[in-house]
PDB file of N, CA and C in Angstrom:
ATOM      1  N   MET A   1     -12.083  14.998  -4.066  1.00  0.00           N
ATOM      2  CA  MET A   1     -11.779  14.064  -3.178  1.00  0.00           C
ATOM      3  C   MET A   1     -10.785  14.331  -2.066  1.00  0.00           C
ATOM      4  N   PRO A   2     -11.212  14.429  -0.900  1.00  0.00           N
ATOM      5  CA  PRO A   2     -10.625  14.711   0.023  1.00  0.00           C
ATOM      6  C   PRO A   2      -8.901  14.144   0.330  1.00  0.00           C
ATOM      7  N   LEU A   3      -8.108  14.747   0.937  1.00  0.00           N
ATOM      8  CA  LEU A   3      -6.885  14.012   0.858  1.00  0.00           C
ATOM      9  C   LEU A   3      -6.637  13.477   2.383  1.00  0.00           C
ATOM     10  N   ILE A   4      -6.103  12.077   2.339  1.00  0.00           N
ATOM     11  CA  ILE A   4      -6.174  11.222   3.658  1.00  0.00           C
ATOM     12  C   ILE A   4      -4.653  11.852   4.295  1.00  0.00           C
ATOM     13  N   PRO A   5      -4.691  12.080   5.613  1.00  0.00           N
ATOM     14  CA  PRO A   5      -3.553  12.654   6.087  1.00  0.00           C
ATOM     15  C   PRO A   5      -2.458  11.560   6.296  1.00  0.00           C
ATOM     16  N   THR A   6      -1.327  12.101   6.074  1.00  0.00           N
ATOM     17  CA  THR A   6       0.095  10.949   6.328  1.00  0.00           C
ATOM     18  C   THR A   6       0.101  10.160   7.532  1.00  0.00           C
ATOM     19  N   GLY A   7      -0.279   8.747   7.265  1.00  0.00           N
ATOM     20  CA  GLY A   7       0.090   8.171   8.306  1.00  0.00           C
ATOM     21  C   GLY A   7      -1.148   7.296   8.584  1.00  0.00           C
ATOM     22  N   GLN A   8      -2.289   7.813   7.973  1.00  0.00           N
ATOM     23  CA  GLN A   8      -3.701   6.993   7.909  1.00  0.00           C
ATOM     24  C   GLN A   8      -3.796   6.173   6.870  1.00  0.00           C
ATOM     25  N   LYS A   9      -4.635   4.951   7.294  1.00  0.00           N
ATOM     26  CA  LYS A   9      -4.907   4.209   6.141  1.00  0.00           C
ATOM     27  C   LYS A   9      -6.207   4.559   5.221  1.00  0.00           C
ATOM     28  N   ALA A  10      -6.026   4.273   3.901  1.00  0.00           N
ATOM     29  CA  ALA A  10      -7.138   4.366   2.908  1.00  0.00           C
ATOM     30  C   ALA A  10      -6.893   3.396   1.816  1.00  0.00           C
ATOM     31  N   LYS A  11      -8.354   3.094   1.533  1.00  0.00           N
ATOM     32  CA  LYS A  11      -8.355   2.092   0.479  1.00  0.00           C
ATOM     33  C   LYS A  11      -8.605   2.757  -1.047  1.00  0.00           C
ATOM     34  N   LEU A  12      -7.456   2.363  -1.720  1.00  0.00           N
ATOM     35  CA  LEU A  12      -7.651   3.257  -3.124  1.00  0.00           C
ATOM     36  C   LEU A  12      -7.753   2.185  -4.186  1.00  0.00           C
ATOM     37  N   SER A  13      -8.717   2.594  -5.159  1.00  0.00           N
ATOM     38  CA  SER A  13      -8.844   1.539  -6.294  1.00  0.00           C
ATOM     39  C   SER A  13      -8.920   2.432  -7.456  1.00  0.00           C
ATOM     40  N   LEU A  14      -7.937   1.980  -8.455  1.00  0.00           N
ATOM     41  CA  LEU A  14      -7.668   2.447  -9.645  1.00  0.00           C
ATOM     42  C   LEU A  14      -8.514   1.755 -10.820  1.00  0.00           C
ATOM     43  N   THR A  15      -9.124   2.228 -11.698  1.00  0.00           N
ATOM     44  CA  THR A  15      -9.786   1.482 -12.767  1.00  0.00           C
ATOM     45  C   THR A  15     -10.060   2.384 -13.988  1.00  0.00           C
ATOM     46  N   GLY A  16     -10.060   1.733 -15.225  1.00  0.00           N
ATOM     47  CA  GLY A  16     -10.049   2.504 -16.180  1.00  0.00           C
ATOM     48  C   GLY A  16      -9.168   2.287 -17.213  1.00  0.00           C
ATOM     49  N   MET A  17      -9.153   2.831 -18.603  1.00  0.00           N
ATOM     50  CA  MET A  17      -8.473   2.411 -19.634  1.00  0.00           C
ATOM     51  C   MET A  17      -7.161   3.365 -19.431  1.00  0.00           C
ATOM     52  N   MET A  18      -5.960   2.897 -19.540  1.00  0.00           N
ATOM     53  CA  MET A  18      -4.650   3.693 -19.282  1.00  0.00           C
ATOM     54  C   MET A  18      -3.669   3.695 -20.716  1.00  0.00           C
ATOM     55  N   PRO A  19      -3.297   4.802 -21.668  1.00  0.00           N
ATOM     56  CA  PRO A  19      -2.720   4.754 -22.453  1.00  0.00           C
ATOM     57  C   PRO A  19      -1.130   4.106 -22.270  1.00  0.00           C
ATOM     58  N   ARG A  20      -0.874   3.374 -23.556  1.00  0.00           N
ATOM     59  CA  ARG A  20       0.305   2.652 -23.280  1.00  0.00           C
ATOM     60  C   ARG A  20       1.446   3.634 -22.996  1.00  0.00           C
ATOM     61  N   GLU A  21       1.321   4.797 -23.063  1.00  0.00           N
ATOM     62  CA  GLU A  21       2.548   5.848 -22.837  1.00  0.00           C
ATOM     63  C   GLU A  21       2.517   5.990 -21.142  1.00  0.00           C
ATOM     64  N   SER A  22       1.733   5.618 -20.679  1.00  0.00           N
ATOM     65  CA  SER A  22       1.653   5.961 -19.289  1.00  0.00           C
ATOM     66  C   SER A  22       2.148   4.473 -18.429  1.00  0.00           C
ATOM     67  N   TRP A  23       2.108   3.316 -18.936  1.00  0.00           N
ATOM     68  CA  TRP A  23       2.363   2.214 -18.423  1.00  0.00           C
ATOM     69  C   TRP A  23       3.766   2.185 -17.501  1.00  0.00           C
ATOM     70  N   ASN A  24       5.038   2.646 -18.289  1.00  0.00           N
ATOM     71  CA  ASN A  24       6.077   2.649 -17.456  1.00  0.00           C
ATOM     72  C   ASN A  24       6.157   3.568 -16.194  1.00  0.00           C
ATOM     73  N   ARG A  25       5.433   4.683 -16.166  1.00  0.00           N
ATOM     74  CA  ARG A  25       5.375   5.959 -15.378  1.00  0.00           C
ATOM     75  C   ARG A  25       4.435   5.353 -13.921  1.00  0.00           C
ATOM     76  N   VAL A  26       3.574   4.356 -14.177  1.00  0.00           N
ATOM     77  CA  VAL A  26       2.941   3.646 -13.159  1.00  0.00           C
ATOM     78  C   VAL A  26       3.588   3.100 -12.322  1.00  0.00           C
ATOM     79  N   GLY A  27       4.443   1.870 -12.926  1.00  0.00           N
ATOM     80  CA  GLY A  27       5.714   1.020 -12.601  1.00  0.00           C
ATOM     81  C   GLY A  27       6.725   2.127 -11.953  1.00  0.00           C
ATOM     82  N   THR A  28       7.127   3.279 -12.388  1.00  0.00           N
ATOM     83  CA  THR A  28       8.096   3.653 -11.720  1.00  0.00           C
ATOM     84  C   THR A  28       7.878   4.968 -10.707  1.00  0.00           C
ATOM     85  N   ARG A  29       6.645   5.051 -10.537  1.00  0.00           N
ATOM     86  CA  ARG A  29       6.408   6.450  -9.872  1.00  0.00           C
ATOM     87  C   ARG A  29       4.988   5.721  -8.876  1.00  0.00           C
ATOM     88  N   LEU A  30       4.091   4.829  -9.150  1.00  0.00           N
ATOM     89  CA  LEU A  30       3.089   4.913  -8.203  1.00  0.00           C
ATOM     90  C   LEU A  30       3.682   3.387  -7.592  1.00  0.00           C
ATOM     91  N   LEU A  31       3.915   2.217  -8.145  1.00  0.00           N
ATOM     92  CA  LEU A  31       3.822   1.257  -7.537  1.00  0.00           C
ATOM     93  C   LEU A  31       5.265   1.395  -6.249  1.00  0.00           C
ATOM     94  N   PRO A  32       6.171   2.124  -6.443  1.00  0.00           N
ATOM     95  CA  PRO A  32       6.997   2.204  -5.436  1.00  0.00           C
ATOM     96  C   PRO A  32       6.491   2.818  -4.111  1.00  0.00           C
ATOM     97  N   LYS A  33       5.515   3.622  -4.098  1.00  0.00           N
ATOM     98  CA  LYS A  33       4.903   3.959  -2.995  1.00  0.00           C
ATOM     99  C   LYS A  33       3.823   3.058  -2.108  1.00  0.00           C
ATOM    100  N   LEU A  34       3.770   2.150  -2.726  1.00  0.00           N
ATOM    101  CA  LEU A  34       2.791   0.932  -2.223  1.00  0.00           C
ATOM    102  C   LEU A  34       3.652   0.069  -1.350  1.00  0.00           C
ATOM    103  N   GLN A  35       4.980   0.065  -1.748  1.00  0.00           N
ATOM    104  CA  GLN A  35       5.994  -0.844  -0.869  1.00  0.00           C
ATOM    105  C   GLN A  35       5.810  -0.868   0.588  1.00  0.00           C
ATOM    106  N   GLY A  36       5.567   0.172   1.078  1.00  0.00           N
ATOM    107  CA  GLY A  36       5.487   0.292   2.531  1.00  0.00           C
ATOM    108  C   GLY A  36       4.227  -0.112   2.960  1.00  0.00           C
ATOM    109  N   GLY A  37       3.283  -0.159   2.325  1.00  0.00           N
ATOM    110  CA  GLY A  37       1.806  -0.388   2.692  1.00  0.00           C
ATOM    111  C   GLY A  37       1.591  -2.013   3.295  1.00  0.00           C
ATOM    112  N   GLU A  38       0.558  -2.319   4.038  1.00  0.00           N
ATOM    113  CA  GLU A  38       0.012  -3.363   4.254  1.00  0.00           C
ATOM    114  C   GLU A  38      -1.076  -4.150   3.342  1.00  0.00           C
ATOM    115  N   ASP A  39      -1.028  -5.387   3.407  1.00  0.00           N
ATOM    116  CA  ASP A  39      -2.233  -5.994   2.340  1.00  0.00           C
ATOM    117  C   ASP A  39      -2.511  -5.462   1.168  1.00  0.00           C
ATOM    118  N   ILE A  40      -1.414  -5.209   0.381  1.00  0.00           N
ATOM    119  CA  ILE A  40      -1.363  -4.757  -0.698  1.00  0.00           C
ATOM    120  C   ILE A  40      -1.594  -5.735  -1.906  1.00  0.00           C
ATOM    121  N   SER A  41      -2.336  -5.820  -2.735  1.00  0.00           N
ATOM    122  CA  SER A  41      -2.734  -6.687  -3.995  1.00  0.00           C
ATOM    123  C   SER A  41      -3.012  -5.865  -5.035  1.00  0.00           C
ATOM    124  N   ALA A  42      -2.790  -6.538  -6.233  1.00  0.00           N
ATOM    125  CA  ALA A  42      -2.886  -5.738  -7.495  1.00  0.00           C
ATOM    126  C   ALA A  42      -3.418  -6.565  -8.732  1.00  0.00           C
ATOM    127  N   LYS A  43      -4.171  -6.034  -9.692  1.00  0.00           N
ATOM    128  CA  LYS A  43      -4.704  -6.945 -10.495  1.00  0.00           C
ATOM    129  C   LYS A  43      -4.454  -6.218 -11.998  1.00  0.00           C
ATOM    130  N   VAL A  44      -4.155  -6.800 -12.897  1.00  0.00           N
ATOM    131  CA  VAL A  44      -3.851  -6.025 -14.020  1.00  0.00           C
ATOM    132  C   VAL A  44      -4.369  -6.914 -15.020  1.00  0.00           C
ATOM    133  N   GLU A  45      -5.494  -6.086 -16.144  1.00  0.00           N
ATOM    134  CA  GLU A  45      -5.698  -6.824 -17.123  1.00  0.00           C
ATOM    135  C   GLU A  45      -5.433  -6.581 -18.376  1.00  0.00           C
ATOM    136  N   LEU A  46      -4.900  -7.426 -19.164  1.00  0.00           N
ATOM    137  CA  LEU A  46      -4.200  -6.756 -20.389  1.00  0.00           C
ATOM    138  C   LEU A  46      -5.054  -7.619 -21.454  1.00  0.00           C
ATOM    139  N   SER A  47      -5.388  -6.934 -22.778  1.00  0.00           N
ATOM    140  CA  SER A  47      -5.800  -7.508 -23.676  1.00  0.00           C
ATOM    141  C   SER A  47      -5.024  -7.201 -25.252  1.00  0.00           C
ATOM    142  N   ALA A  48      -4.989  -8.221 -25.765  1.00  0.00           N
ATOM    143  CA  ALA A  48      -4.241  -7.925 -27.334  1.00  0.00           C
ATOM    144  C   ALA A  48      -4.392  -8.941 -27.869  1.00  0.00           C
ATOM    145  N   SER A  49      -4.553  -9.216 -29.322  1.00  0.00           N
ATOM    146  CA  SER A  49      -4.467 -10.282 -29.851  1.00  0.00           C
ATOM    147  C   SER A  49      -3.237 -10.981 -30.707  1.00  0.00           C
ATOM    148  N   ILE A  50      -2.318 -10.822 -29.766  1.00  0.00           N
ATOM    149  CA  ILE A  50      -1.098 -11.623 -29.913  1.00  0.00           C
ATOM    150  C   ILE A  50      -0.725 -12.510 -28.716  1.00  0.00           C
ATOM    151  N   ALA A  51      -1.508 -13.682 -28.511  1.00  0.00           N
ATOM    152  CA  ALA A  51      -1.425 -14.585 -27.454  1.00  0.00           C
ATOM    153  C   ALA A  51      -0.134 -15.478 -27.391  1.00  0.00           C
ATOM    154  N   ALA A  52       0.247 -15.621 -28.462  1.00  0.00           N
ATOM    155  CA  ALA A  52       1.613 -16.526 -29.062  1.00  0.00           C
ATOM    156  C   ALA A  52       2.723 -15.600 -28.333  1.00  0.00           C
ATOM    157  N   GLU A  53       2.609 -14.343 -28.647  1.00  0.00           N
ATOM    158  CA  GLU A  53       3.829 -13.411 -28.147  1.00  0.00           C
ATOM    159  C   GLU A  53       3.749 -13.220 -26.680  1.00  0.00           C
ATOM    160  N   LEU A  54       2.384 -13.171 -26.223  1.00  0.00           N
ATOM    161  CA  LEU A  54       2.299 -12.927 -24.828  1.00  0.00           C
ATOM    162  C   LEU A  54       2.815 -14.148 -23.822  1.00  0.00           C
ATOM    163  N   ARG A  55       2.588 -15.134 -24.323  1.00  0.00           N
ATOM    164  CA  ARG A  55       3.055 -16.619 -23.821  1.00  0.00           C
ATOM    165  C   ARG A  55       4.521 -16.595 -23.765  1.00  0.00           C
ATOM    166  N   GLN A  56       5.077 -16.142 -24.641  1.00  0.00           N
ATOM    167  CA  GLN A  56       6.621 -16.293 -24.824  1.00  0.00           C
ATOM    168  C   GLN A  56       7.401 -15.584 -23.923  1.00  0.00           C
ATOM    169  N   SER A  57       6.779 -13.911 -23.940  1.00  0.00           N
ATOM    170  CA  SER A  57       7.093 -13.224 -23.048  1.00  0.00           C
ATOM    171  C   SER A  57       7.119 -13.246 -21.583  1.00  0.00           C
ATOM    172  N   LEU A  58       5.871 -14.040 -21.066  1.00  0.00           N
ATOM    173  CA  LEU A  58       5.681 -14.567 -19.828  1.00  0.00           C
ATOM    174  C   LEU A  58       6.421 -15.497 -19.378  1.00  0.00           C
ATOM    175  N   GLN A  59       7.188 -16.349 -20.373  1.00  0.00           N
ATOM    176  CA  GLN A  59       8.029 -17.627 -20.219  1.00  0.00           C
ATOM    177  C   GLN A  59       9.334 -16.984 -20.176  1.00  0.00           C
ATOM    178  N   ASP A  60       9.721 -15.982 -20.769  1.00  0.00           N
ATOM    179  CA  ASP A  60      11.208 -15.176 -20.661  1.00  0.00           C
ATOM    180  C   ASP A  60      11.220 -14.527 -19.335  1.00  0.00           C
ATOM    181  N   LEU A  61       9.922 -14.135 -18.851  1.00  0.00           N
ATOM    182  CA  LEU A  61       9.956 -13.524 -17.403  1.00  0.00           C
ATOM    183  C   LEU A  61       9.856 -14.497 -16.187  1.00  0.00           C
ATOM    184  N   GLY A  62       9.781 -15.664 -16.606  1.00  0.00           N
ATOM    185  CA  GLY A  62       9.529 -16.585 -15.658  1.00  0.00           C
ATOM    186  C   GLY A  62       8.005 -16.677 -14.884  1.00  0.00           C
ATOM    187  N   LEU A  63       7.108 -16.062 -15.499  1.00  0.00           N
ATOM    188  CA  LEU A  63       5.559 -15.900 -14.898  1.00  0.00           C
ATOM    189  C   LEU A  63       4.661 -16.911 -15.560  1.00  0.00           C
ATOM    190  N   THR A  64       4.914 -17.725 -16.097  1.00  0.00           N
ATOM    191  CA  THR A  64       3.913 -18.796 -17.097  1.00  0.00           C
ATOM    192  C   THR A  64       3.179 -19.379 -16.124  1.00  0.00           C
ATOM    193  N   TRP A  65       3.764 -19.714 -14.891  1.00  0.00           N
ATOM    194  CA  TRP A  65       3.080 -20.632 -13.900  1.00  0.00           C
ATOM    195  C   TRP A  65       1.977 -19.553 -12.967  1.00  0.00           C
ATOM    196  N   GLN A  66       2.307 -18.304 -13.024  1.00  0.00           N
ATOM    197  CA  GLN A  66       1.437 -17.152 -12.357  1.00  0.00           C
ATOM    198  C   GLN A  66       0.281 -16.681 -13.313  1.00  0.00           C
ATOM    199  N   VAL A  67       0.431 -16.237 -14.460  1.00  0.00           N
ATOM    200  CA  VAL A  67      -0.127 -15.913 -15.271  1.00  0.00           C
ATOM    201  C   VAL A  67      -1.107 -16.550 -16.335  1.00  0.00           C
ATOM    202  N   ASN A  68      -2.328 -16.491 -16.511  1.00  0.00           N
ATOM    203  CA  ASN A  68      -3.046 -17.217 -17.562  1.00  0.00           C
ATOM    204  C   ASN A  68      -3.340 -16.221 -18.945  1.00  0.00           C
ATOM    205  N   VAL A  69      -2.921 -17.229 -19.977  1.00  0.00           N
ATOM    206  CA  VAL A  69      -3.350 -16.067 -21.275  1.00  0.00           C
ATOM    207  C   VAL A  69      -4.447 -16.931 -21.832  1.00  0.00           C
ATOM    208  N   SER A  70      -5.522 -16.473 -22.143  1.00  0.00           N
ATOM    209  CA  SER A  70      -6.857 -17.401 -22.597  1.00  0.00           C
ATOM    210  C   SER A  70      -7.039 -16.632 -23.723  1.00  0.00           C
ATOM    211  N   GLU A  71      -7.472 -17.340 -24.881  1.00  0.00           N
ATOM    212  CA  GLU A  71      -7.727 -16.894 -26.235  1.00  0.00           C
ATOM    213  C   GLU A  71      -9.521 -16.930 -26.096  1.00  0.00           C
ATOM    214  N   GLN A  72     -10.096 -16.041 -26.788  1.00  0.00           N
ATOM    215  CA  GLN A  72     -11.434 -15.904 -26.618  1.00  0.00           C
ATOM    216  C   GLN A  72     -11.711 -15.694 -28.225  1.00  0.00           C
TER     217      GLN A  72
END
């Protein structure tokens, strides 16, 4: 993939499975670099068999109105 010169806009899309060992590094290394950008959006999809625990954690974080936990 060619490098984009500094100051030019580029659209970047990251998809795929990420090992849990990398989650914090993405939050501390990648996300701060996006703060200076325009029209930033992010989508995160998590899957686990612990819906009740997820709901409690979202409530603790004050995110219950922003995030939907669905059981399938």
